mmCIF file of all heavy atoms, coordinates in Angstrom:
data_MODEL
# 
_entry.id   MODEL 
# 
loop_
_atom_site.group_PDB 
_atom_site.id 
_atom_site.type_symbol 
_atom_site.label_atom_id 
_atom_site.label_alt_id 
_atom_site.label_comp_id 
_atom_site.label_asym_id 
_atom_site.label_entity_id 
_atom_site.label_seq_id 
_atom_site.pdbx_PDB_ins_code 
_atom_site.Cartn_x 
_atom_site.Cartn_y 
_atom_site.Cartn_z 
_atom_site.occupancy 
_atom_site.B_iso_or_equiv 
_atom_site.pdbx_formal_charge 
_atom_site.auth_seq_id 
_atom_site.auth_comp_id 
_atom_site.auth_asym_id 
_atom_site.auth_atom_id 
_atom_site.pdbx_PDB_model_num 
ATOM 1   N N   . GLY A 1 1  ? 14.484  17.150  0.714   1.00 0.00 ? 1  GLY A N   1 
ATOM 2   C CA  . GLY A 1 1  ? 13.755  16.923  1.952   1.00 0.00 ? 1  GLY A CA  1 
ATOM 3   C C   . GLY A 1 1  ? 12.266  17.219  1.865   1.00 0.00 ? 1  GLY A C   1 
ATOM 4   O O   . GLY A 1 1  ? 11.549  17.121  2.855   1.00 0.00 ? 1  GLY A O   1 
ATOM 5   N N   . GLU A 1 2  ? 11.779  17.551  0.667   1.00 0.00 ? 2  GLU A N   1 
ATOM 6   C CA  . GLU A 1 2  ? 10.343  17.832  0.470   1.00 0.00 ? 2  GLU A CA  1 
ATOM 7   C C   . GLU A 1 2  ? 9.582   16.526  0.287   1.00 0.00 ? 2  GLU A C   1 
ATOM 8   O O   . GLU A 1 2  ? 10.080  15.582  -0.333  1.00 0.00 ? 2  GLU A O   1 
ATOM 9   C CB  . GLU A 1 2  ? 10.147  18.718  -0.765  1.00 0.00 ? 2  GLU A CB  1 
ATOM 10  C CG  . GLU A 1 2  ? 10.845  20.062  -0.689  1.00 0.00 ? 2  GLU A CG  1 
ATOM 11  C CD  . GLU A 1 2  ? 10.252  20.975  0.366   1.00 0.00 ? 2  GLU A CD  1 
ATOM 12  O OE1 . GLU A 1 2  ? 9.017   20.965  0.534   1.00 0.00 ? 2  GLU A OE1 1 
ATOM 13  O OE2 . GLU A 1 2  ? 11.029  21.679  1.034   1.00 0.00 ? 2  GLU A OE2 1 
ATOM 14  N N   . ARG A 1 3  ? 8.369   16.475  0.827   1.00 0.00 ? 3  ARG A N   1 
ATOM 15  C CA  . ARG A 1 3  ? 7.525   15.279  0.680   1.00 0.00 ? 3  ARG A CA  1 
ATOM 16  C C   . ARG A 1 3  ? 7.055   15.120  -0.763  1.00 0.00 ? 3  ARG A C   1 
ATOM 17  O O   . ARG A 1 3  ? 6.673   16.090  -1.409  1.00 0.00 ? 3  ARG A O   1 
ATOM 18  C CB  . ARG A 1 3  ? 6.278   15.386  1.565   1.00 0.00 ? 3  ARG A CB  1 
ATOM 19  C CG  . ARG A 1 3  ? 6.561   15.232  3.021   1.00 0.00 ? 3  ARG A CG  1 
ATOM 20  C CD  . ARG A 1 3  ? 6.360   13.796  3.448   1.00 0.00 ? 3  ARG A CD  1 
ATOM 21  N NE  . ARG A 1 3  ? 6.594   13.726  4.879   1.00 0.00 ? 3  ARG A NE  1 
ATOM 22  C CZ  . ARG A 1 3  ? 7.144   12.720  5.475   1.00 0.00 ? 3  ARG A CZ  1 
ATOM 23  N NH1 . ARG A 1 3  ? 7.485   11.657  4.795   1.00 0.00 ? 3  ARG A NH1 1 
ATOM 24  N NH2 . ARG A 1 3  ? 7.341   12.723  6.768   1.00 0.00 ? 3  ARG A NH2 1 
ATOM 25  N N   . ILE A 1 4  ? 7.068   13.895  -1.221  1.00 0.00 ? 4  ILE A N   1 
ATOM 26  C CA  . ILE A 1 4  ? 6.506   13.551  -2.524  1.00 0.00 ? 4  ILE A CA  1 
ATOM 27  C C   . ILE A 1 4  ? 5.114   13.001  -2.244  1.00 0.00 ? 4  ILE A C   1 
ATOM 28  O O   . ILE A 1 4  ? 4.961   12.003  -1.542  1.00 0.00 ? 4  ILE A O   1 
ATOM 29  C CB  . ILE A 1 4  ? 7.371   12.494  -3.248  1.00 0.00 ? 4  ILE A CB  1 
ATOM 30  C CG1 . ILE A 1 4  ? 8.785   13.029  -3.441  1.00 0.00 ? 4  ILE A CG1 1 
ATOM 31  C CG2 . ILE A 1 4  ? 6.728   12.089  -4.562  1.00 0.00 ? 4  ILE A CG2 1 
ATOM 32  C CD1 . ILE A 1 4  ? 9.772   11.993  -3.940  1.00 0.00 ? 4  ILE A CD1 1 
ATOM 33  N N   . ALA A 1 5  ? 4.096   13.661  -2.779  1.00 0.00 ? 5  ALA A N   1 
ATOM 34  C CA  . ALA A 1 5  ? 2.706   13.266  -2.511  1.00 0.00 ? 5  ALA A CA  1 
ATOM 35  C C   . ALA A 1 5  ? 2.429   11.859  -3.039  1.00 0.00 ? 5  ALA A C   1 
ATOM 36  O O   . ALA A 1 5  ? 2.931   11.455  -4.094  1.00 0.00 ? 5  ALA A O   1 
ATOM 37  C CB  . ALA A 1 5  ? 1.749   14.254  -3.161  1.00 0.00 ? 5  ALA A CB  1 
ATOM 38  N N   . MET A 1 6  ? 1.623   11.108  -2.288  1.00 0.00 ? 6  MET A N   1 
ATOM 39  C CA  . MET A 1 6  ? 1.234   9.762   -2.688  1.00 0.00 ? 6  MET A CA  1 
ATOM 40  C C   . MET A 1 6  ? 0.132   9.854   -3.756  1.00 0.00 ? 6  MET A C   1 
ATOM 41  O O   . MET A 1 6  ? -0.710  10.748  -3.702  1.00 0.00 ? 6  MET A O   1 
ATOM 42  C CB  . MET A 1 6  ? 0.712   8.981   -1.485  1.00 0.00 ? 6  MET A CB  1 
ATOM 43  C CG  . MET A 1 6  ? 1.733   8.803   -0.368  1.00 0.00 ? 6  MET A CG  1 
ATOM 44  S SD  . MET A 1 6  ? 2.946   7.542   -0.717  1.00 0.00 ? 6  MET A SD  1 
ATOM 45  C CE  . MET A 1 6  ? 2.037   6.088   -0.277  1.00 0.00 ? 6  MET A CE  1 
ATOM 46  N N   . ASP A 1 7  ? 0.147   8.928   -4.714  1.00 0.00 ? 7  ASP A N   1 
ATOM 47  C CA  . ASP A 1 7  ? -0.863  8.897   -5.773  1.00 0.00 ? 7  ASP A CA  1 
ATOM 48  C C   . ASP A 1 7  ? -2.091  8.088   -5.382  1.00 0.00 ? 7  ASP A C   1 
ATOM 49  O O   . ASP A 1 7  ? -3.068  8.066   -6.120  1.00 0.00 ? 7  ASP A O   1 
ATOM 50  C CB  . ASP A 1 7  ? -0.273  8.314   -7.056  1.00 0.00 ? 7  ASP A CB  1 
ATOM 51  C CG  . ASP A 1 7  ? 0.756   9.228   -7.695  1.00 0.00 ? 7  ASP A CG  1 
ATOM 52  O OD1 . ASP A 1 7  ? 0.606   10.462  -7.576  1.00 0.00 ? 7  ASP A OD1 1 
ATOM 53  O OD2 . ASP A 1 7  ? 1.706   8.706   -8.304  1.00 0.00 ? 7  ASP A OD2 1 
ATOM 54  N N   . VAL A 1 8  ? -2.031  7.392   -4.249  1.00 0.00 ? 8  VAL A N   1 
ATOM 55  C CA  . VAL A 1 8  ? -3.149  6.558   -3.799  1.00 0.00 ? 8  VAL A CA  1 
ATOM 56  C C   . VAL A 1 8  ? -3.620  7.042   -2.437  1.00 0.00 ? 8  VAL A C   1 
ATOM 57  O O   . VAL A 1 8  ? -2.914  7.775   -1.748  1.00 0.00 ? 8  VAL A O   1 
ATOM 58  C CB  . VAL A 1 8  ? -2.749  5.066   -3.727  1.00 0.00 ? 8  VAL A CB  1 
ATOM 59  C CG1 . VAL A 1 8  ? -2.435  4.522   -5.110  1.00 0.00 ? 8  VAL A CG1 1 
ATOM 60  C CG2 . VAL A 1 8  ? -1.566  4.854   -2.808  1.00 0.00 ? 8  VAL A CG2 1 
ATOM 61  N N   . LYS A 1 9  ? -4.837  6.613   -2.068  1.00 0.00 ? 9  LYS A N   1 
ATOM 62  C CA  . LYS A 1 9  ? -5.401  6.998   -0.770  1.00 0.00 ? 9  LYS A CA  1 
ATOM 63  C C   . LYS A 1 9  ? -6.161  5.810   -0.193  1.00 0.00 ? 9  LYS A C   1 
ATOM 64  O O   . LYS A 1 9  ? -6.467  4.848   -0.899  1.00 0.00 ? 9  LYS A O   1 
ATOM 65  C CB  . LYS A 1 9  ? -6.312  8.210   -0.928  1.00 0.00 ? 9  LYS A CB  1 
ATOM 66  C CG  . LYS A 1 9  ? -7.511  7.960   -1.823  1.00 0.00 ? 9  LYS A CG  1 
ATOM 67  C CD  . LYS A 1 9  ? -8.283  9.240   -2.082  1.00 0.00 ? 9  LYS A CD  1 
ATOM 68  C CE  . LYS A 1 9  ? -9.457  9.041   -2.986  1.00 0.00 ? 9  LYS A CE  1 
ATOM 69  N NZ  . LYS A 1 9  ? -9.254  8.363   -4.220  1.00 0.00 ? 9  LYS A NZ  1 
ATOM 70  N N   . ALA A 1 10 ? -6.466  5.880   1.088   1.00 0.00 ? 10 ALA A N   1 
ATOM 71  C CA  . ALA A 1 10 ? -7.230  4.817   1.745   1.00 0.00 ? 10 ALA A CA  1 
ATOM 72  C C   . ALA A 1 10 ? -8.567  4.656   1.026   1.00 0.00 ? 10 ALA A C   1 
ATOM 73  O O   . ALA A 1 10 ? -9.206  5.634   0.645   1.00 0.00 ? 10 ALA A O   1 
ATOM 74  C CB  . ALA A 1 10 ? -7.442  5.155   3.219   1.00 0.00 ? 10 ALA A CB  1 
ATOM 75  N N   . GLY A 1 11 ? -8.955  3.411   0.814   1.00 0.00 ? 11 GLY A N   1 
ATOM 76  C CA  . GLY A 1 11 ? -10.214 3.107   0.131   1.00 0.00 ? 11 GLY A CA  1 
ATOM 77  C C   . GLY A 1 11 ? -10.040 2.771   -1.340  1.00 0.00 ? 11 GLY A C   1 
ATOM 78  O O   . GLY A 1 11 ? -10.945 2.208   -1.953  1.00 0.00 ? 11 GLY A O   1 
ATOM 79  N N   . ASP A 1 12 ? -8.900  3.117   -1.944  1.00 0.00 ? 12 ASP A N   1 
ATOM 80  C CA  . ASP A 1 12 ? -8.655  2.795   -3.352  1.00 0.00 ? 12 ASP A CA  1 
ATOM 81  C C   . ASP A 1 12 ? -8.546  1.291   -3.540  1.00 0.00 ? 12 ASP A C   1 
ATOM 82  O O   . ASP A 1 12 ? -7.950  0.597   -2.711  1.00 0.00 ? 12 ASP A O   1 
ATOM 83  C CB  . ASP A 1 12 ? -7.349  3.435   -3.852  1.00 0.00 ? 12 ASP A CB  1 
ATOM 84  C CG  . ASP A 1 12 ? -7.463  4.915   -4.124  1.00 0.00 ? 12 ASP A CG  1 
ATOM 85  O OD1 . ASP A 1 12 ? -8.592  5.450   -4.108  1.00 0.00 ? 12 ASP A OD1 1 
ATOM 86  O OD2 . ASP A 1 12 ? -6.423  5.547   -4.352  1.00 0.00 ? 12 ASP A OD2 1 
ATOM 87  N N   . ARG A 1 13 ? -9.114  0.776   -4.644  1.00 0.00 ? 13 ARG A N   1 
ATOM 88  C CA  . ARG A 1 13 ? -8.936  -0.626  -5.040  1.00 0.00 ? 13 ARG A CA  1 
ATOM 89  C C   . ARG A 1 13 ? -7.757  -0.671  -5.989  1.00 0.00 ? 13 ARG A C   1 
ATOM 90  O O   . ARG A 1 13 ? -7.725  0.078   -6.967  1.00 0.00 ? 13 ARG A O   1 
ATOM 91  C CB  . ARG A 1 13 ? -10.184 -1.171  -5.718  1.00 0.00 ? 13 ARG A CB  1 
ATOM 92  C CG  . ARG A 1 13 ? -11.301 -1.457  -4.737  1.00 0.00 ? 13 ARG A CG  1 
ATOM 93  C CD  . ARG A 1 13 ? -12.520 -1.971  -5.459  1.00 0.00 ? 13 ARG A CD  1 
ATOM 94  N NE  . ARG A 1 13 ? -12.260 -3.277  -6.060  1.00 0.00 ? 13 ARG A NE  1 
ATOM 95  C CZ  . ARG A 1 13 ? -12.934 -4.375  -5.773  1.00 0.00 ? 13 ARG A CZ  1 
ATOM 96  N NH1 . ARG A 1 13 ? -13.910 -4.335  -4.899  1.00 0.00 ? 13 ARG A NH1 1 
ATOM 97  N NH2 . ARG A 1 13 ? -12.643 -5.514  -6.359  1.00 0.00 ? 13 ARG A NH2 1 
ATOM 98  N N   . ILE A 1 14 ? -6.813  -1.539  -5.710  1.00 0.00 ? 14 ILE A N   1 
ATOM 99  C CA  . ILE A 1 14 ? -5.578  -1.569  -6.488  1.00 0.00 ? 14 ILE A CA  1 
ATOM 100 C C   . ILE A 1 14 ? -5.257  -2.967  -7.013  1.00 0.00 ? 14 ILE A C   1 
ATOM 101 O O   . ILE A 1 14 ? -5.791  -3.961  -6.530  1.00 0.00 ? 14 ILE A O   1 
ATOM 102 C CB  . ILE A 1 14 ? -4.389  -1.078  -5.634  1.00 0.00 ? 14 ILE A CB  1 
ATOM 103 C CG1 . ILE A 1 14 ? -4.212  -1.984  -4.399  1.00 0.00 ? 14 ILE A CG1 1 
ATOM 104 C CG2 . ILE A 1 14 ? -4.563  0.377   -5.252  1.00 0.00 ? 14 ILE A CG2 1 
ATOM 105 C CD1 . ILE A 1 14 ? -2.895  -1.800  -3.679  1.00 0.00 ? 14 ILE A CD1 1 
ATOM 106 N N   . LEU A 1 15 ? -4.383  -3.011  -7.999  1.00 0.00 ? 15 LEU A N   1 
ATOM 107 C CA  . LEU A 1 15 ? -3.775  -4.243  -8.487  1.00 0.00 ? 15 LEU A CA  1 
ATOM 108 C C   . LEU A 1 15 ? -2.293  -4.183  -8.152  1.00 0.00 ? 15 LEU A C   1 
ATOM 109 O O   . LEU A 1 15 ? -1.679  -3.116  -8.261  1.00 0.00 ? 15 LEU A O   1 
ATOM 110 C CB  . LEU A 1 15 ? -3.943  -4.377  -10.001 1.00 0.00 ? 15 LEU A CB  1 
ATOM 111 C CG  . LEU A 1 15 ? -5.352  -4.587  -10.517 1.00 0.00 ? 15 LEU A CG  1 
ATOM 112 C CD1 . LEU A 1 15 ? -5.347  -4.598  -12.044 1.00 0.00 ? 15 LEU A CD1 1 
ATOM 113 C CD2 . LEU A 1 15 ? -5.931  -5.880  -9.998  1.00 0.00 ? 15 LEU A CD2 1 
ATOM 114 N N   . PHE A 1 16 ? -1.738  -5.317  -7.744  1.00 0.00 ? 16 PHE A N   1 
ATOM 115 C CA  . PHE A 1 16 ? -0.324  -5.348  -7.400  1.00 0.00 ? 16 PHE A CA  1 
ATOM 116 C C   . PHE A 1 16 ? 0.288   -6.643  -7.893  1.00 0.00 ? 16 PHE A C   1 
ATOM 117 O O   . PHE A 1 16 ? -0.415  -7.587  -8.236  1.00 0.00 ? 16 PHE A O   1 
ATOM 118 C CB  . PHE A 1 16 ? -0.110  -5.185  -5.885  1.00 0.00 ? 16 PHE A CB  1 
ATOM 119 C CG  . PHE A 1 16 ? -0.952  -6.089  -5.031  1.00 0.00 ? 16 PHE A CG  1 
ATOM 120 C CD1 . PHE A 1 16 ? -0.530  -7.363  -4.717  1.00 0.00 ? 16 PHE A CD1 1 
ATOM 121 C CD2 . PHE A 1 16 ? -2.175  -5.648  -4.540  1.00 0.00 ? 16 PHE A CD2 1 
ATOM 122 C CE1 . PHE A 1 16 ? -1.311  -8.196  -3.928  1.00 0.00 ? 16 PHE A CE1 1 
ATOM 123 C CE2 . PHE A 1 16 ? -2.956  -6.471  -3.749  1.00 0.00 ? 16 PHE A CE2 1 
ATOM 124 C CZ  . PHE A 1 16 ? -2.522  -7.749  -3.443  1.00 0.00 ? 16 PHE A CZ  1 
ATOM 125 N N   . GLY A 1 17 ? 1.607   -6.676  -7.954  1.00 0.00 ? 17 GLY A N   1 
ATOM 126 C CA  . GLY A 1 17 ? 2.330   -7.846  -8.450  1.00 0.00 ? 17 GLY A CA  1 
ATOM 127 C C   . GLY A 1 17 ? 2.182   -9.053  -7.538  1.00 0.00 ? 17 GLY A C   1 
ATOM 128 O O   . GLY A 1 17 ? 1.919   -8.932  -6.347  1.00 0.00 ? 17 GLY A O   1 
ATOM 129 N N   . LYS A 1 18 ? 2.380   -10.207 -8.119  1.00 0.00 ? 18 LYS A N   1 
ATOM 130 C CA  . LYS A 1 18 ? 2.216   -11.476 -7.409  1.00 0.00 ? 18 LYS A CA  1 
ATOM 131 C C   . LYS A 1 18 ? 3.120   -11.589 -6.189  1.00 0.00 ? 18 LYS A C   1 
ATOM 132 O O   . LYS A 1 18 ? 2.723   -12.126 -5.170  1.00 0.00 ? 18 LYS A O   1 
ATOM 133 C CB  . LYS A 1 18 ? 2.523   -12.605 -8.390  1.00 0.00 ? 18 LYS A CB  1 
ATOM 134 C CG  . LYS A 1 18 ? 2.144   -13.966 -7.920  1.00 0.00 ? 18 LYS A CG  1 
ATOM 135 C CD  . LYS A 1 18 ? 2.405   -14.952 -9.030  1.00 0.00 ? 18 LYS A CD  1 
ATOM 136 C CE  . LYS A 1 18 ? 1.442   -16.095 -8.936  1.00 0.00 ? 18 LYS A CE  1 
ATOM 137 N NZ  . LYS A 1 18 ? 1.503   -16.986 -10.087 1.00 0.00 ? 18 LYS A NZ  1 
ATOM 138 N N   . TRP A 1 19 ? 4.325   -11.083 -6.252  1.00 0.00 ? 19 TRP A N   1 
ATOM 139 C CA  . TRP A 1 19 ? 5.288   -11.220 -5.164  1.00 0.00 ? 19 TRP A CA  1 
ATOM 140 C C   . TRP A 1 19 ? 5.480   -9.917  -4.401  1.00 0.00 ? 19 TRP A C   1 
ATOM 141 O O   . TRP A 1 19 ? 6.473   -9.733  -3.718  1.00 0.00 ? 19 TRP A O   1 
ATOM 142 C CB  . TRP A 1 19 ? 6.627   -11.721 -5.707  1.00 0.00 ? 19 TRP A CB  1 
ATOM 143 C CG  . TRP A 1 19 ? 6.460   -12.950 -6.544  1.00 0.00 ? 19 TRP A CG  1 
ATOM 144 C CD1 . TRP A 1 19 ? 6.595   -13.046 -7.893  1.00 0.00 ? 19 TRP A CD1 1 
ATOM 145 C CD2 . TRP A 1 19 ? 6.084   -14.243 -6.092  1.00 0.00 ? 19 TRP A CD2 1 
ATOM 146 N NE1 . TRP A 1 19 ? 6.335   -14.325 -8.310  1.00 0.00 ? 19 TRP A NE1 1 
ATOM 147 C CE2 . TRP A 1 19 ? 6.004   -15.087 -7.218  1.00 0.00 ? 19 TRP A CE2 1 
ATOM 148 C CE3 . TRP A 1 19 ? 5.786   -14.791 -4.845  1.00 0.00 ? 19 TRP A CE3 1 
ATOM 149 C CZ2 . TRP A 1 19 ? 5.674   -16.431 -7.147  1.00 0.00 ? 19 TRP A CZ2 1 
ATOM 150 C CZ3 . TRP A 1 19 ? 5.452   -16.135 -4.773  1.00 0.00 ? 19 TRP A CZ3 1 
ATOM 151 C CH2 . TRP A 1 19 ? 5.404   -16.929 -5.903  1.00 0.00 ? 19 TRP A CH2 1 
ATOM 152 N N   . SER A 1 20 ? 4.532   -9.000  -4.511  1.00 0.00 ? 20 SER A N   1 
ATOM 153 C CA  . SER A 1 20 ? 4.642   -7.691  -3.856  1.00 0.00 ? 20 SER A CA  1 
ATOM 154 C C   . SER A 1 20 ? 4.323   -7.767  -2.373  1.00 0.00 ? 20 SER A C   1 
ATOM 155 O O   . SER A 1 20 ? 3.499   -8.569  -1.936  1.00 0.00 ? 20 SER A O   1 
ATOM 156 C CB  . SER A 1 20 ? 3.670   -6.697  -4.494  1.00 0.00 ? 20 SER A CB  1 
ATOM 157 O OG  . SER A 1 20 ? 3.958   -6.516  -5.838  1.00 0.00 ? 20 SER A OG  1 
ATOM 158 N N   . GLY A 1 21 ? 4.955   -6.915  -1.601  1.00 0.00 ? 21 GLY A N   1 
ATOM 159 C CA  . GLY A 1 21 ? 4.590   -6.702  -0.216  1.00 0.00 ? 21 GLY A CA  1 
ATOM 160 C C   . GLY A 1 21 ? 5.047   -7.764  0.769   1.00 0.00 ? 21 GLY A C   1 
ATOM 161 O O   . GLY A 1 21 ? 5.596   -8.799  0.400   1.00 0.00 ? 21 GLY A O   1 
ATOM 162 N N   . ILE A 1 22 ? 4.795   -7.442  2.021   1.00 0.00 ? 22 ILE A N   1 
ATOM 163 C CA  . ILE A 1 22 ? 5.101   -8.321  3.147   1.00 0.00 ? 22 ILE A CA  1 
ATOM 164 C C   . ILE A 1 22 ? 3.804   -8.582  3.885   1.00 0.00 ? 22 ILE A C   1 
ATOM 165 O O   . ILE A 1 22 ? 3.072   -7.646  4.215   1.00 0.00 ? 22 ILE A O   1 
ATOM 166 C CB  . ILE A 1 22 ? 6.120   -7.647  4.098   1.00 0.00 ? 22 ILE A CB  1 
ATOM 167 C CG1 . ILE A 1 22 ? 7.429   -7.385  3.361   1.00 0.00 ? 22 ILE A CG1 1 
ATOM 168 C CG2 . ILE A 1 22 ? 6.345   -8.496  5.345   1.00 0.00 ? 22 ILE A CG2 1 
ATOM 169 C CD1 . ILE A 1 22 ? 8.386   -6.510  4.124   1.00 0.00 ? 22 ILE A CD1 1 
ATOM 170 N N   . GLU A 1 23 ? 3.499   -9.844  4.117   1.00 0.00 ? 23 GLU A N   1 
ATOM 171 C CA  . GLU A 1 23 ? 2.266   -10.195 4.815   1.00 0.00 ? 23 GLU A CA  1 
ATOM 172 C C   . GLU A 1 23 ? 2.446   -10.028 6.316   1.00 0.00 ? 23 GLU A C   1 
ATOM 173 O O   . GLU A 1 23 ? 3.469   -10.433 6.867   1.00 0.00 ? 23 GLU A O   1 
ATOM 174 C CB  . GLU A 1 23 ? 1.855   -11.617 4.471   1.00 0.00 ? 23 GLU A CB  1 
ATOM 175 C CG  . GLU A 1 23 ? 1.497   -11.772 3.003   1.00 0.00 ? 23 GLU A CG  1 
ATOM 176 C CD  . GLU A 1 23 ? 1.048   -13.173 2.640   1.00 0.00 ? 23 GLU A CD  1 
ATOM 177 O OE1 . GLU A 1 23 ? 1.033   -14.057 3.524   1.00 0.00 ? 23 GLU A OE1 1 
ATOM 178 O OE2 . GLU A 1 23 ? 0.712   -13.381 1.467   1.00 0.00 ? 23 GLU A OE2 1 
ATOM 179 N N   . ILE A 1 24 ? 1.451   -9.415  6.951   1.00 0.00 ? 24 ILE A N   1 
ATOM 180 C CA  . ILE A 1 24 ? 1.456   -9.243  8.407   1.00 0.00 ? 24 ILE A CA  1 
ATOM 181 C C   . ILE A 1 24 ? 0.083   -9.595  8.951   1.00 0.00 ? 24 ILE A C   1 
ATOM 182 O O   . ILE A 1 24 ? -0.890  -9.676  8.199   1.00 0.00 ? 24 ILE A O   1 
ATOM 183 C CB  . ILE A 1 24 ? 1.828   -7.794  8.826   1.00 0.00 ? 24 ILE A CB  1 
ATOM 184 C CG1 . ILE A 1 24 ? 0.767   -6.803  8.351   1.00 0.00 ? 24 ILE A CG1 1 
ATOM 185 C CG2 . ILE A 1 24 ? 3.193   -7.416  8.319   1.00 0.00 ? 24 ILE A CG2 1 
ATOM 186 C CD1 . ILE A 1 24 ? 0.886   -5.438  8.996   1.00 0.00 ? 24 ILE A CD1 1 
ATOM 187 N N   . LYS A 1 25 ? 0.015   -9.819  10.251  1.00 0.00 ? 25 LYS A N   1 
ATOM 188 C CA  . LYS A 1 25 ? -1.266  -10.044 10.926  1.00 0.00 ? 25 LYS A CA  1 
ATOM 189 C C   . LYS A 1 25 ? -1.420  -8.904  11.913  1.00 0.00 ? 25 LYS A C   1 
ATOM 190 O O   . LYS A 1 25 ? -0.557  -8.687  12.763  1.00 0.00 ? 25 LYS A O   1 
ATOM 191 C CB  . LYS A 1 25 ? -1.285  -11.391 11.631  1.00 0.00 ? 25 LYS A CB  1 
ATOM 192 C CG  . LYS A 1 25 ? -2.669  -11.769 12.161  1.00 0.00 ? 25 LYS A CG  1 
ATOM 193 C CD  . LYS A 1 25 ? -2.704  -13.193 12.642  1.00 0.00 ? 25 LYS A CD  1 
ATOM 194 C CE  . LYS A 1 25 ? -2.922  -14.120 11.514  1.00 0.00 ? 25 LYS A CE  1 
ATOM 195 N NZ  . LYS A 1 25 ? -4.084  -14.796 11.266  1.00 0.00 ? 25 LYS A NZ  1 
ATOM 196 N N   . LEU A 1 26 ? -2.511  -8.146  11.794  1.00 0.00 ? 26 LEU A N   1 
ATOM 197 C CA  . LEU A 1 26 ? -2.763  -6.994  12.636  1.00 0.00 ? 26 LEU A CA  1 
ATOM 198 C C   . LEU A 1 26 ? -4.171  -7.110  13.195  1.00 0.00 ? 26 LEU A C   1 
ATOM 199 O O   . LEU A 1 26 ? -5.131  -7.167  12.425  1.00 0.00 ? 26 LEU A O   1 
ATOM 200 C CB  . LEU A 1 26 ? -2.599  -5.710  11.810  1.00 0.00 ? 26 LEU A CB  1 
ATOM 201 C CG  . LEU A 1 26 ? -2.566  -4.396  12.535  1.00 0.00 ? 26 LEU A CG  1 
ATOM 202 C CD1 . LEU A 1 26 ? -1.374  -4.335  13.491  1.00 0.00 ? 26 LEU A CD1 1 
ATOM 203 C CD2 . LEU A 1 26 ? -2.457  -3.254  11.542  1.00 0.00 ? 26 LEU A CD2 1 
ATOM 204 N N   . ASP A 1 27 ? -4.303  -7.176  14.503  1.00 0.00 ? 27 ASP A N   1 
ATOM 205 C CA  . ASP A 1 27 ? -5.605  -7.361  15.163  1.00 0.00 ? 27 ASP A CA  1 
ATOM 206 C C   . ASP A 1 27 ? -6.339  -8.583  14.612  1.00 0.00 ? 27 ASP A C   1 
ATOM 207 O O   . ASP A 1 27 ? -7.544  -8.564  14.403  1.00 0.00 ? 27 ASP A O   1 
ATOM 208 C CB  . ASP A 1 27 ? -6.485  -6.120  15.010  1.00 0.00 ? 27 ASP A CB  1 
ATOM 209 C CG  . ASP A 1 27 ? -5.968  -4.935  15.805  1.00 0.00 ? 27 ASP A CG  1 
ATOM 210 O OD1 . ASP A 1 27 ? -5.207  -5.153  16.774  1.00 0.00 ? 27 ASP A OD1 1 
ATOM 211 O OD2 . ASP A 1 27 ? -6.331  -3.795  15.462  1.00 0.00 ? 27 ASP A OD2 1 
ATOM 212 N N   . GLY A 1 28 ? -5.601  -9.661  14.335  1.00 0.00 ? 28 GLY A N   1 
ATOM 213 C CA  . GLY A 1 28 ? -6.201  -10.907 13.858  1.00 0.00 ? 28 GLY A CA  1 
ATOM 214 C C   . GLY A 1 28 ? -6.555  -10.901 12.383  1.00 0.00 ? 28 GLY A C   1 
ATOM 215 O O   . GLY A 1 28 ? -7.091  -11.872 11.873  1.00 0.00 ? 28 GLY A O   1 
# 
């Protein structure tokens, strides 16, 4: 039940896989 710290933070520039993630529209 202990939190595992994230290795990334807001503002980081990242590379991700071609089919990664879910696209959403937030505030246009």
